[in-house]
PDB file of N, CA and C in Angstrom:
ATOM      1  N   UNK A   1      88.051  65.791 142.584  1.00  0.00           N
ATOM      2  CA  UNK A   1      88.815  66.217 141.496  1.00  0.00           C
ATOM      3  C   UNK A   1      90.298  65.942 141.799  1.00  0.00           C
ATOM      4  N   UNK A   2      91.008  65.387 140.753  1.00  0.00           N
ATOM      5  CA  UNK A   2      92.334  64.995 140.918  1.00  0.00           C
ATOM      6  C   UNK A   2      93.319  66.275 140.879  1.00  0.00           C
ATOM      7  N   UNK A   3      94.458  66.240 141.563  1.00  0.00           N
ATOM      8  CA  UNK A   3      95.287  67.410 141.532  1.00  0.00           C
ATOM      9  C   UNK A   3      95.908  67.502 140.100  1.00  0.00           C
ATOM     10  N   UNK A   4      96.076  68.781 139.690  1.00  0.00           N
ATOM     11  CA  UNK A   4      96.779  69.110 138.386  1.00  0.00           C
ATOM     12  C   UNK A   4      95.649  69.273 137.291  1.00  0.00           C
ATOM     13  N   UNK A   5      94.361  68.923 137.695  1.00  0.00           N
ATOM     14  CA  UNK A   5      93.337  69.252 136.592  1.00  0.00           C
ATOM     15  C   UNK A   5      92.629  70.489 137.017  1.00  0.00           C
ATOM     16  N   UNK A   6      92.167  71.188 135.878  1.00  0.00           N
ATOM     17  CA  UNK A   6      91.440  72.326 136.156  1.00  0.00           C
ATOM     18  C   UNK A   6      89.983  72.209 136.157  1.00  0.00           C
ATOM     19  N   UNK A   7      89.218  72.941 137.072  1.00  0.00           N
ATOM     20  CA  UNK A   7      87.920  72.828 137.136  1.00  0.00           C
ATOM     21  C   UNK A   7      87.239  73.406 135.805  1.00  0.00           C
ATOM     22  N   UNK A   8      86.023  72.856 135.412  1.00  0.00           N
ATOM     23  CA  UNK A   8      85.423  73.372 134.116  1.00  0.00           C
ATOM     24  C   UNK A   8      85.284  74.874 134.181  1.00  0.00           C
ATOM     25  N   UNK A   9      85.599  75.570 133.090  1.00  0.00           N
ATOM     26  CA  UNK A   9      85.369  77.055 132.964  1.00  0.00           C
ATOM     27  C   UNK A   9      86.522  77.909 133.575  1.00  0.00           C
ATOM     28  N   UNK A  10      87.650  77.229 133.958  1.00  0.00           N
ATOM     29  CA  UNK A  10      88.744  77.982 134.494  1.00  0.00           C
ATOM     30  C   UNK A  10      89.844  77.993 133.459  1.00  0.00           C
ATOM     31  N   UNK A  11      90.717  78.899 133.557  1.00  0.00           N
ATOM     32  CA  UNK A  11      91.979  79.046 132.659  1.00  0.00           C
ATOM     33  C   UNK A  11      93.149  78.644 133.379  1.00  0.00           C
ATOM     34  N   UNK A  12      94.132  78.116 132.639  1.00  0.00           N
ATOM     35  CA  UNK A  12      95.419  77.734 133.255  1.00  0.00           C
ATOM     36  C   UNK A  12      96.146  79.041 133.547  1.00  0.00           C
ATOM     37  N   UNK A  13      96.896  79.297 134.658  1.00  0.00           N
ATOM     38  CA  UNK A  13      97.619  80.403 134.819  1.00  0.00           C
ATOM     39  C   UNK A  13      98.811  80.475 133.899  1.00  0.00           C
ATOM     40  N   UNK A  14      99.193  81.639 133.471  1.00  0.00           N
ATOM     41  CA  UNK A  14     100.271  81.949 132.518  1.00  0.00           C
ATOM     42  C   UNK A  14     101.589  81.977 133.313  1.00  0.00           C
ATOM     43  N   UNK A  15     102.670  81.353 132.674  1.00  0.00           N
ATOM     44  CA  UNK A  15     103.945  81.386 133.269  1.00  0.00           C
ATOM     45  C   UNK A  15     104.490  82.858 133.365  1.00  0.00           C
ATOM     46  N   UNK A  16     105.047  83.403 134.552  1.00  0.00           N
ATOM     47  CA  UNK A  16     105.479  84.758 134.577  1.00  0.00           C
ATOM     48  C   UNK A  16     106.547  85.052 133.515  1.00  0.00           C
ATOM     49  N   UNK A  17     107.525  84.159 133.300  1.00  0.00           N
ATOM     50  CA  UNK A  17     108.513  84.507 132.284  1.00  0.00           C
ATOM     51  C   UNK A  17     108.155  84.633 130.928  1.00  0.00           C
ATOM     52  N   UNK A  18     107.132  83.768 130.492  1.00  0.00           N
ATOM     53  CA  UNK A  18     106.683  83.911 129.217  1.00  0.00           C
ATOM     54  C   UNK A  18     105.735  85.144 128.984  1.00  0.00           C
ATOM     55  N   UNK A  19     105.085  85.554 129.919  1.00  0.00           N
ATOM     56  CA  UNK A  19     104.382  86.807 129.899  1.00  0.00           C
ATOM     57  C   UNK A  19     105.290  87.997 129.637  1.00  0.00           C
ATOM     58  N   UNK A  20     106.269  88.114 130.591  1.00  0.00           N
ATOM     59  CA  UNK A  20     107.119  89.289 130.272  1.00  0.00           C
ATOM     60  C   UNK A  20     107.877  89.267 128.917  1.00  0.00           C
ATOM     61  N   UNK A  21     108.363  88.139 128.479  1.00  0.00           N
ATOM     62  CA  UNK A  21     109.077  87.992 127.329  1.00  0.00           C
ATOM     63  C   UNK A  21     108.152  88.405 126.232  1.00  0.00           C
ATOM     64  N   UNK A  22     106.795  87.798 126.183  1.00  0.00           N
ATOM     65  CA  UNK A  22     106.013  88.153 125.007  1.00  0.00           C
ATOM     66  C   UNK A  22     105.475  89.498 125.028  1.00  0.00           C
ATOM     67  N   UNK A  23     105.376  90.154 126.158  1.00  0.00           N
ATOM     68  CA  UNK A  23     105.081  91.520 126.240  1.00  0.00           C
ATOM     69  C   UNK A  23     106.195  92.409 125.649  1.00  0.00           C
ATOM     70  N   UNK A  24     107.438  92.109 125.804  1.00  0.00           N
ATOM     71  CA  UNK A  24     108.513  92.796 125.233  1.00  0.00           C
ATOM     72  C   UNK A  24     108.562  92.602 123.797  1.00  0.00           C
ATOM     73  N   UNK A  25     108.268  91.363 123.195  1.00  0.00           N
ATOM     74  CA  UNK A  25     108.194  91.161 121.869  1.00  0.00           C
ATOM     75  C   UNK A  25     106.987  92.041 121.223  1.00  0.00           C
ATOM     76  N   UNK A  26     105.803  91.987 121.893  1.00  0.00           N
ATOM     77  CA  UNK A  26     104.759  92.772 121.406  1.00  0.00           C
ATOM     78  C   UNK A  26     105.047  94.156 121.277  1.00  0.00           C
ATOM     79  N   UNK A  27     105.721  94.728 122.373  1.00  0.00           N
ATOM     80  CA  UNK A  27     106.237  96.209 122.322  1.00  0.00           C
ATOM     81  C   UNK A  27     107.167  96.506 121.147  1.00  0.00           C
ATOM     82  N   UNK A  28     108.108  95.588 120.947  1.00  0.00           N
ATOM     83  CA  UNK A  28     108.909  95.788 119.767  1.00  0.00           C
ATOM     84  C   UNK A  28     108.186  95.817 118.490  1.00  0.00           C
ATOM     85  N   UNK A  29     107.277  94.793 118.402  1.00  0.00           N
ATOM     86  CA  UNK A  29     106.504  94.663 117.132  1.00  0.00           C
ATOM     87  C   UNK A  29     105.540  95.913 116.914  1.00  0.00           C
ATOM     88  N   UNK A  30     105.048  96.414 118.016  1.00  0.00           N
ATOM     89  CA  UNK A  30     104.240  97.686 117.895  1.00  0.00           C
ATOM     90  C   UNK A  30     105.127  98.797 117.378  1.00  0.00           C
ATOM     91  N   UNK A  31     106.264  98.989 117.909  1.00  0.00           N
ATOM     92  CA  UNK A  31     107.228 100.105 117.390  1.00  0.00           C
ATOM     93  C   UNK A  31     107.596  99.797 115.987  1.00  0.00           C
ATOM     94  N   UNK A  32     107.758  98.603 115.604  1.00  0.00           N
ATOM     95  CA  UNK A  32     108.095  98.418 114.191  1.00  0.00           C
ATOM     96  C   UNK A  32     106.918  98.650 113.315  1.00  0.00           C
ATOM     97  N   UNK A  33     105.749  98.280 113.588  1.00  0.00           N
ATOM     98  CA  UNK A  33     104.576  98.543 112.884  1.00  0.00           C
ATOM     99  C   UNK A  33     104.359 100.119 112.779  1.00  0.00           C
ATOM    100  N   UNK A  34     104.576 100.885 113.908  1.00  0.00           N
ATOM    101  CA  UNK A  34     104.362 102.246 113.833  1.00  0.00           C
ATOM    102  C   UNK A  34     105.419 102.834 112.891  1.00  0.00           C
ATOM    103  N   UNK A  35     106.604 102.481 112.844  1.00  0.00           N
ATOM    104  CA  UNK A  35     107.622 103.013 111.946  1.00  0.00           C
ATOM    105  C   UNK A  35     107.274 102.655 110.485  1.00  0.00           C
ATOM    106  N   UNK A  36     106.832 101.486 110.245  1.00  0.00           N
ATOM    107  CA  UNK A  36     106.553 101.081 108.873  1.00  0.00           C
ATOM    108  C   UNK A  36     105.293 101.837 108.458  1.00  0.00           C
ATOM    109  N   UNK A  37     104.336 102.184 109.284  1.00  0.00           N
ATOM    110  CA  UNK A  37     103.129 102.901 108.878  1.00  0.00           C
ATOM    111  C   UNK A  37     103.596 104.308 108.633  1.00  0.00           C
ATOM    112  N   UNK A  38     104.460 104.899 109.460  1.00  0.00           N
ATOM    113  CA  UNK A  38     104.935 106.348 109.125  1.00  0.00           C
ATOM    114  C   UNK A  38     105.645 106.446 107.739  1.00  0.00           C
ATOM    115  N   UNK A  39     106.401 105.498 107.456  1.00  0.00           N
ATOM    116  CA  UNK A  39     107.107 105.555 106.127  1.00  0.00           C
ATOM    117  C   UNK A  39     106.210 105.378 105.138  1.00  0.00           C
ATOM    118  N   UNK A  40     105.154 104.413 105.248  1.00  0.00           N
ATOM    119  CA  UNK A  40     104.118 104.296 104.150  1.00  0.00           C
ATOM    120  C   UNK A  40     103.334 105.517 103.937  1.00  0.00           C
ATOM    121  N   UNK A  41     103.038 106.293 105.086  1.00  0.00           N
ATOM    122  CA  UNK A  41     102.220 107.457 104.924  1.00  0.00           C
ATOM    123  C   UNK A  41     103.085 108.593 104.222  1.00  0.00           C
ATOM    124  N   UNK A  42     104.317 108.709 104.427  1.00  0.00           N
ATOM    125  CA  UNK A  42     105.106 109.586 103.737  1.00  0.00           C
ATOM    126  C   UNK A  42     105.165 109.282 102.257  1.00  0.00           C
ATOM    127  N   UNK A  43     105.437 108.014 101.941  1.00  0.00           N
ATOM    128  CA  UNK A  43     105.385 107.574 100.582  1.00  0.00           C
ATOM    129  C   UNK A  43     104.190 107.932  99.943  1.00  0.00           C
ATOM    130  N   UNK A  44     102.981 107.605 100.509  1.00  0.00           N
ATOM    131  CA  UNK A  44     101.711 107.817  99.855  1.00  0.00           C
ATOM    132  C   UNK A  44     101.459 109.316  99.678  1.00  0.00           C
ATOM    133  N   UNK A  45     102.000 110.107 100.654  1.00  0.00           N
ATOM    134  CA  UNK A  45     101.808 111.598 100.544  1.00  0.00           C
ATOM    135  C   UNK A  45     102.612 112.160  99.387  1.00  0.00           C
ATOM    136  N   UNK A  46     103.739 111.580  99.148  1.00  0.00           N
ATOM    137  CA  UNK A  46     104.602 112.074  97.995  1.00  0.00           C
ATOM    138  C   UNK A  46     104.427 111.472  96.654  1.00  0.00           C
ATOM    139  N   UNK A  47     103.801 110.328  96.581  1.00  0.00           N
ATOM    140  CA  UNK A  47     103.761 109.600  95.325  1.00  0.00           C
ATOM    141  C   UNK A  47     102.295 109.482  94.775  1.00  0.00           C
ATOM    142  N   UNK A  48     101.408 110.216  95.388  1.00  0.00           N
ATOM    143  CA  UNK A  48      99.927 110.080  94.971  1.00  0.00           C
ATOM    144  C   UNK A  48      99.388 111.589  94.951  1.00  0.00           C
ATOM    145  N   UNK A  49      98.178 111.615  94.309  1.00  0.00           N
ATOM    146  CA  UNK A  49      97.327 112.788  94.362  1.00  0.00           C
ATOM    147  C   UNK A  49      98.025 113.965  93.756  1.00  0.00           C
ATOM    148  N   UNK A  50      98.001 115.116  94.432  1.00  0.00           N
ATOM    149  CA  UNK A  50      98.397 116.371  93.833  1.00  0.00           C
ATOM    150  C   UNK A  50      99.907 116.421  93.426  1.00  0.00           C
ATOM    151  N   UNK A  51     100.727 115.699  94.234  1.00  0.00           N
ATOM    152  CA  UNK A  51     102.180 115.760  93.777  1.00  0.00           C
ATOM    153  C   UNK A  51     102.360 115.126  92.448  1.00  0.00           C
ATOM    154  N   UNK A  52     101.783 113.953  92.242  1.00  0.00           N
ATOM    155  CA  UNK A  52     102.017 113.234  90.956  1.00  0.00           C
ATOM    156  C   UNK A  52     101.373 114.140  89.742  1.00  0.00           C
ATOM    157  N   UNK A  53     100.151 114.707  90.112  1.00  0.00           N
ATOM    158  CA  UNK A  53      99.470 115.404  89.047  1.00  0.00           C
ATOM    159  C   UNK A  53     100.377 116.678  88.803  1.00  0.00           C
ATOM    160  N   UNK A  54     100.909 117.338  89.710  1.00  0.00           N
ATOM    161  CA  UNK A  54     101.713 118.551  89.564  1.00  0.00           C
ATOM    162  C   UNK A  54     103.060 118.087  88.866  1.00  0.00           C
ATOM    163  N   UNK A  55     103.596 117.006  89.105  1.00  0.00           N
ATOM    164  CA  UNK A  55     104.810 116.590  88.455  1.00  0.00           C
ATOM    165  C   UNK A  55     104.479 116.298  87.089  1.00  0.00           C
ATOM    166  N   UNK A  56     103.448 115.608  86.767  1.00  0.00           N
ATOM    167  CA  UNK A  56     103.032 115.264  85.405  1.00  0.00           C
ATOM    168  C   UNK A  56     102.723 116.575  84.559  1.00  0.00           C
ATOM    169  N   UNK A  57     102.132 117.558  85.186  1.00  0.00           N
ATOM    170  CA  UNK A  57     101.910 118.835  84.466  1.00  0.00           C
ATOM    171  C   UNK A  57     103.202 119.513  84.202  1.00  0.00           C
ATOM    172  N   UNK A  58     104.200 119.458  85.172  1.00  0.00           N
ATOM    173  CA  UNK A  58     105.370 120.018  85.067  1.00  0.00           C
ATOM    174  C   UNK A  58     106.214 119.404  83.829  1.00  0.00           C
ATOM    175  N   UNK A  59     106.061 118.155  83.698  1.00  0.00           N
ATOM    176  CA  UNK A  59     106.708 117.248  82.712  1.00  0.00           C
ATOM    177  C   UNK A  59     105.929 117.429  81.334  1.00  0.00           C
ATOM    178  N   UNK A  60     104.819 118.116  81.287  1.00  0.00           N
ATOM    179  CA  UNK A  60     104.101 118.322  80.055  1.00  0.00           C
ATOM    180  C   UNK A  60     103.118 117.240  79.653  1.00  0.00           C
ATOM    181  N   UNK A  61     102.552 116.546  80.640  1.00  0.00           N
ATOM    182  CA  UNK A  61     101.515 115.477  80.354  1.00  0.00           C
ATOM    183  C   UNK A  61     100.261 116.071  79.884  1.00  0.00           C
ATOM    184  N   UNK A  62      99.674 115.452  79.071  1.00  0.00           N
ATOM    185  CA  UNK A  62      98.275 115.931  78.643  1.00  0.00           C
ATOM    186  C   UNK A  62      97.231 115.391  79.623  1.00  0.00           C
ATOM    187  N   UNK A  63      95.966 115.771  79.340  1.00  0.00           N
ATOM    188  CA  UNK A  63      94.844 115.367  80.170  1.00  0.00           C
ATOM    189  C   UNK A  63      94.588 113.858  80.324  1.00  0.00           C
ATOM    190  N   UNK A  64      94.808 113.184  79.236  1.00  0.00           N
ATOM    191  CA  UNK A  64      94.578 111.723  79.146  1.00  0.00           C
ATOM    192  C   UNK A  64      95.627 111.026  80.015  1.00  0.00           C
ATOM    193  N   UNK A  65      96.910 111.403  80.059  1.00  0.00           N
ATOM    194  CA  UNK A  65      97.941 110.851  80.743  1.00  0.00           C
ATOM    195  C   UNK A  65      97.583 111.002  82.281  1.00  0.00           C
ATOM    196  N   UNK A  66      97.244 112.311  82.617  1.00  0.00           N
ATOM    197  CA  UNK A  66      96.883 112.624  83.970  1.00  0.00           C
ATOM    198  C   UNK A  66      95.743 111.850  84.454  1.00  0.00           C
ATOM    199  N   UNK A  67      94.718 111.597  83.583  1.00  0.00           N
ATOM    200  CA  UNK A  67      93.459 110.774  83.949  1.00  0.00           C
ATOM    201  C   UNK A  67      94.006 109.305  84.216  1.00  0.00           C
ATOM    202  N   UNK A  68      94.895 108.859  83.323  1.00  0.00           N
ATOM    203  CA  UNK A  68      95.413 107.452  83.497  1.00  0.00           C
ATOM    204  C   UNK A  68      96.192 107.351  84.773  1.00  0.00           C
ATOM    205  N   UNK A  69      96.991 108.320  85.223  1.00  0.00           N
ATOM    206  CA  UNK A  69      97.667 108.324  86.433  1.00  0.00           C
ATOM    207  C   UNK A  69      96.728 108.323  87.719  1.00  0.00           C
ATOM    208  N   UNK A  70      95.643 108.989  87.427  1.00  0.00           N
ATOM    209  CA  UNK A  70      94.667 108.969  88.668  1.00  0.00           C
ATOM    210  C   UNK A  70      93.895 107.607  88.660  1.00  0.00           C
ATOM    211  N   UNK A  71      93.833 106.925  87.542  1.00  0.00           N
ATOM    212  CA  UNK A  71      93.116 105.681  87.464  1.00  0.00           C
ATOM    213  C   UNK A  71      93.853 104.389  88.030  1.00  0.00           C
ATOM    214  N   UNK A  72      95.186 104.534  87.941  1.00  0.00           N
ATOM    215  CA  UNK A  72      95.995 103.497  88.333  1.00  0.00           C
ATOM    216  C   UNK A  72      95.713 102.804  89.690  1.00  0.00           C
ATOM    217  N   UNK A  73      95.643 103.674  90.672  1.00  0.00           N
ATOM    218  CA  UNK A  73      95.336 103.069  92.079  1.00  0.00           C
ATOM    219  C   UNK A  73      93.963 102.442  92.150  1.00  0.00           C
ATOM    220  N   UNK A  74      92.966 103.004  91.505  1.00  0.00           N
ATOM    221  CA  UNK A  74      91.567 102.377  91.488  1.00  0.00           C
ATOM    222  C   UNK A  74      91.630 101.041  90.696  1.00  0.00           C
ATOM    223  N   UNK A  75      92.241 101.065  89.587  1.00  0.00           N
ATOM    224  CA  UNK A  75      92.379  99.933  88.711  1.00  0.00           C
ATOM    225  C   UNK A  75      93.005  98.762  89.464  1.00  0.00           C
ATOM    226  N   UNK A  76      94.192  99.131  90.193  1.00  0.00           N
ATOM    227  CA  UNK A  76      94.794  98.093  91.017  1.00  0.00           C
ATOM    228  C   UNK A  76      94.047  97.479  92.057  1.00  0.00           C
ATOM    229  N   UNK A  77      93.222  98.240  92.673  1.00  0.00           N
ATOM    230  CA  UNK A  77      92.213  97.753  93.815  1.00  0.00           C
ATOM    231  C   UNK A  77      91.170  96.955  93.045  1.00  0.00           C
ATOM    232  N   UNK A  78      90.692  97.341  91.952  1.00  0.00           N
ATOM    233  CA  UNK A  78      89.637  96.381  91.329  1.00  0.00           C
ATOM    234  C   UNK A  78      90.266  95.125  90.876  1.00  0.00           C
ATOM    235  N   UNK A  79      91.495  95.107  90.541  1.00  0.00           N
ATOM    236  CA  UNK A  79      92.106  93.843  90.092  1.00  0.00           C
ATOM    237  C   UNK A  79      92.420  92.863  91.168  1.00  0.00           C
ATOM    238  N   UNK A  80      92.253  93.285  92.592  1.00  0.00           N
ATOM    239  CA  UNK A  80      92.517  92.342  93.572  1.00  0.00           C
ATOM    240  C   UNK A  80      91.697  91.160  93.640  1.00  0.00           C
ATOM    241  N   UNK A  81      90.387  91.357  93.256  1.00  0.00           N
ATOM    242  CA  UNK A  81      89.271  90.265  93.367  1.00  0.00           C
ATOM    243  C   UNK A  81      89.748  89.226  92.303  1.00  0.00           C
ATOM    244  N   UNK A  82      89.852  89.584  90.987  1.00  0.00           N
ATOM    245  CA  UNK A  82      90.158  88.554  90.021  1.00  0.00           C
ATOM    246  C   UNK A  82      91.552  87.992  90.163  1.00  0.00           C
ATOM    247  N   UNK A  83      92.517  88.740  90.801  1.00  0.00           N
ATOM    248  CA  UNK A  83      93.853  88.263  91.082  1.00  0.00           C
ATOM    249  C   UNK A  83      93.760  87.167  92.152  1.00  0.00           C
ATOM    250  N   UNK A  84      92.998  87.341  93.163  1.00  0.00           N
ATOM    251  CA  UNK A  84      92.821  86.358  94.269  1.00  0.00           C
ATOM    252  C   UNK A  84      92.176  85.108  93.711  1.00  0.00           C
ATOM    253  N   UNK A  85      91.098  85.246  92.849  1.00  0.00           N
ATOM    254  CA  UNK A  85      90.482  84.082  92.306  1.00  0.00           C
ATOM    255  C   UNK A  85      91.505  83.338  91.375  1.00  0.00           C
ATOM    256  N   UNK A  86      92.208  84.032  90.525  1.00  0.00           N
ATOM    257  CA  UNK A  86      93.179  83.372  89.695  1.00  0.00           C
ATOM    258  C   UNK A  86      94.253  82.655  90.475  1.00  0.00           C
ATOM    259  N   UNK A  87      94.670  83.290  91.577  1.00  0.00           N
ATOM    260  CA  UNK A  87      95.747  82.572  92.280  1.00  0.00           C
ATOM    261  C   UNK A  87      95.251  81.342  92.985  1.00  0.00           C
ATOM    262  N   UNK A  88      94.105  81.354  93.518  1.00  0.00           N
ATOM    263  CA  UNK A  88      93.456  80.209  94.107  1.00  0.00           C
ATOM    264  C   UNK A  88      93.103  79.117  93.001  1.00  0.00           C
ATOM    265  N   UNK A  89      92.802  79.597  91.882  1.00  0.00           N
ATOM    266  CA  UNK A  89      92.451  78.562  90.825  1.00  0.00           C
ATOM    267  C   UNK A  89      93.736  77.905  90.245  1.00  0.00           C
ATOM    268  N   UNK A  90      94.806  78.664  89.934  1.00  0.00           N
ATOM    269  CA  UNK A  90      95.845  78.292  89.323  1.00  0.00           C
ATOM    270  C   UNK A  90      96.722  77.362  90.273  1.00  0.00           C
ATOM    271  N   UNK A  91      97.000  77.900  91.486  1.00  0.00           N
ATOM    272  CA  UNK A  91      97.810  77.309  92.551  1.00  0.00           C
ATOM    273  C   UNK A  91      99.190  76.992  92.040  1.00  0.00           C
ATOM    274  N   UNK A  92      99.779  77.836  91.257  1.00  0.00           N
ATOM    275  CA  UNK A  92     101.181  77.641  90.882  1.00  0.00           C
ATOM    276  C   UNK A  92     101.786  78.918  91.471  1.00  0.00           C
ATOM    277  N   UNK A  93     102.362  78.824  92.563  1.00  0.00           N
ATOM    278  CA  UNK A  93     102.821  80.010  93.130  1.00  0.00           C
ATOM    279  C   UNK A  93     104.027  80.652  92.455  1.00  0.00           C
ATOM    280  N   UNK A  94     104.892  79.969  91.800  1.00  0.00           N
ATOM    281  CA  UNK A  94     106.083  80.461  91.110  1.00  0.00           C
ATOM    282  C   UNK A  94     105.622  81.334  90.002  1.00  0.00           C
ATOM    283  N   UNK A  95     104.674  80.744  89.133  1.00  0.00           N
ATOM    284  CA  UNK A  95     104.126  81.609  87.940  1.00  0.00           C
ATOM    285  C   UNK A  95     103.382  82.747  88.453  1.00  0.00           C
ATOM    286  N   UNK A  96     102.700  82.680  89.623  1.00  0.00           N
ATOM    287  CA  UNK A  96     101.904  83.765  90.195  1.00  0.00           C
ATOM    288  C   UNK A  96     102.898  85.007  90.474  1.00  0.00           C
ATOM    289  N   UNK A  97     104.083  84.600  91.229  1.00  0.00           N
ATOM    290  CA  UNK A  97     104.874  85.569  91.701  1.00  0.00           C
ATOM    291  C   UNK A  97     105.571  86.221  90.403  1.00  0.00           C
ATOM    292  N   UNK A  98     106.013  85.447  89.445  1.00  0.00           N
ATOM    293  CA  UNK A  98     106.600  85.875  88.134  1.00  0.00           C
ATOM    294  C   UNK A  98     105.709  86.934  87.508  1.00  0.00           C
ATOM    295  N   UNK A  99     104.411  86.552  87.516  1.00  0.00           N
ATOM    296  CA  UNK A  99     103.409  87.293  86.708  1.00  0.00           C
ATOM    297  C   UNK A  99     103.194  88.743  87.595  1.00  0.00           C
ATOM    298  N   UNK A 100     103.121  88.638  88.811  1.00  0.00           N
ATOM    299  CA  UNK A 100     102.969  89.678  89.708  1.00  0.00           C
ATOM    300  C   UNK A 100     104.082  90.748  89.632  1.00  0.00           C
ATOM    301  N   UNK A 101     105.251  90.237  89.602  1.00  0.00           N
ATOM    302  CA  UNK A 101     106.519  91.086  89.545  1.00  0.00           C
ATOM    303  C   UNK A 101     106.574  91.707  88.161  1.00  0.00           C
ATOM    304  N   UNK A 102     106.176  90.947  87.070  1.00  0.00           N
ATOM    305  CA  UNK A 102     106.242  91.475  85.741  1.00  0.00           C
ATOM    306  C   UNK A 102     105.211  92.671  85.497  1.00  0.00           C
ATOM    307  N   UNK A 103     103.959  92.502  86.009  1.00  0.00           N
ATOM    308  CA  UNK A 103     102.979  93.503  85.982  1.00  0.00           C
ATOM    309  C   UNK A 103     103.411  94.769  86.929  1.00  0.00           C
ATOM    310  N   UNK A 104     103.971  94.466  88.012  1.00  0.00           N
ATOM    311  CA  UNK A 104     104.454  95.543  88.810  1.00  0.00           C
ATOM    312  C   UNK A 104     105.551  96.438  88.103  1.00  0.00           C
ATOM    313  N   UNK A 105     106.445  95.723  87.494  1.00  0.00           N
ATOM    314  CA  UNK A 105     107.568  96.370  86.779  1.00  0.00           C
ATOM    315  C   UNK A 105     106.978  97.236  85.663  1.00  0.00           C
ATOM    316  N   UNK A 106     106.039  96.591  84.873  1.00  0.00           N
ATOM    317  CA  UNK A 106     105.491  97.379  83.716  1.00  0.00           C
ATOM    318  C   UNK A 106     104.761  98.623  84.175  1.00  0.00           C
ATOM    319  N   UNK A 107     103.914  98.486  85.238  1.00  0.00           N
ATOM    320  CA  UNK A 107     103.132  99.584  85.705  1.00  0.00           C
ATOM    321  C   UNK A 107     103.984 100.593  86.311  1.00  0.00           C
ATOM    322  N   UNK A 108     105.049 100.225  87.042  1.00  0.00           N
ATOM    323  CA  UNK A 108     105.945 101.243  87.716  1.00  0.00           C
ATOM    324  C   UNK A 108     106.848 101.902  86.741  1.00  0.00           C
ATOM    325  N   UNK A 109     107.274 101.367  85.651  1.00  0.00           N
ATOM    326  CA  UNK A 109     107.965 102.083  84.607  1.00  0.00           C
ATOM    327  C   UNK A 109     107.113 102.955  83.779  1.00  0.00           C
ATOM    328  N   UNK A 110     105.718 102.684  83.776  1.00  0.00           N
ATOM    329  CA  UNK A 110     104.836 103.571  82.990  1.00  0.00           C
ATOM    330  C   UNK A 110     104.398 104.801  83.725  1.00  0.00           C
ATOM    331  N   UNK A 111     104.782 104.916  84.943  1.00  0.00           N
ATOM    332  CA  UNK A 111     104.430 106.058  85.764  1.00  0.00           C
ATOM    333  C   UNK A 111     105.628 107.021  85.993  1.00  0.00           C
ATOM    334  N   UNK A 112     105.338 108.361  86.085  1.00  0.00           N
ATOM    335  CA  UNK A 112     106.498 109.325  86.379  1.00  0.00           C
ATOM    336  C   UNK A 112     107.126 108.955  87.728  1.00  0.00           C
ATOM    337  N   UNK A 113     106.436 108.525  88.723  1.00  0.00           N
ATOM    338  CA  UNK A 113     107.048 108.261  89.964  1.00  0.00           C
ATOM    339  C   UNK A 113     107.740 106.939  90.037  1.00  0.00           C
ATOM    340  N   UNK A 114     107.577 106.093  89.004  1.00  0.00           N
ATOM    341  CA  UNK A 114     108.160 104.765  89.114  1.00  0.00           C
ATOM    342  C   UNK A 114     109.625 104.742  88.589  1.00  0.00           C
ATOM    343  N   UNK A 115     110.128 103.642  88.613  1.00  0.00           N
ATOM    344  CA  UNK A 115     111.604 103.384  88.201  1.00  0.00           C
ATOM    345  C   UNK A 115     111.536 103.258  86.777  1.00  0.00           C
ATOM    346  N   UNK A 116     112.716 102.866  86.253  1.00  0.00           N
ATOM    347  CA  UNK A 116     112.847 102.559  84.828  1.00  0.00           C
ATOM    348  C   UNK A 116     112.983 103.839  83.981  1.00  0.00           C
ATOM    349  N   UNK A 117     112.496 103.712  82.689  1.00  0.00           N
ATOM    350  CA  UNK A 117     112.702 104.936  81.851  1.00  0.00           C
ATOM    351  C   UNK A 117     111.777 105.998  82.021  1.00  0.00           C
ATOM    352  N   UNK A 118     110.519 105.659  82.510  1.00  0.00           N
ATOM    353  CA  UNK A 118     109.467 106.830  82.731  1.00  0.00           C
ATOM    354  C   UNK A 118     108.835 107.048  81.438  1.00  0.00           C
ATOM    355  N   UNK A 119     107.738 108.003  81.384  1.00  0.00           N
ATOM    356  CA  UNK A 119     106.942 108.203  80.238  1.00  0.00           C
ATOM    357  C   UNK A 119     107.603 109.457  79.444  1.00  0.00           C
ATOM    358  N   UNK A 120     107.899 110.463  80.219  1.00  0.00           N
ATOM    359  CA  UNK A 120     108.433 111.748  79.499  1.00  0.00           C
ATOM    360  C   UNK A 120     109.853 111.980  79.762  1.00  0.00           C
ATOM    361  N   UNK A 121     110.502 112.333  78.762  1.00  0.00           N
ATOM    362  CA  UNK A 121     111.980 112.637  79.049  1.00  0.00           C
ATOM    363  C   UNK A 121     112.173 114.168  79.113  1.00  0.00           C
TER     364      UNK A 121
END
């Protein structure tokens, strides 16, 4: 066997400097992911479920509105499959982004927790 070649079934040794640098980057990435997850959990706890229902009741929403508020997360999950198909079929990224932002703005302004004008004054 010639020098510099690896025997079959063996792995090349990793460079020590690359290993320590990538470990540091992985650690930073882990902490960033933990922080993002914590913020997302706080948001979900405050913007869904009993909090939104209580807020809607406080603002005088009727049973239909409360039912629609409860259905929004399920409807958005159901729309993931057709949206993925449509995105792969159309393949116009700019139009897809504009449509997605438009739908997001309409749905967020229609919920009491969203921005914009809101439902009830």
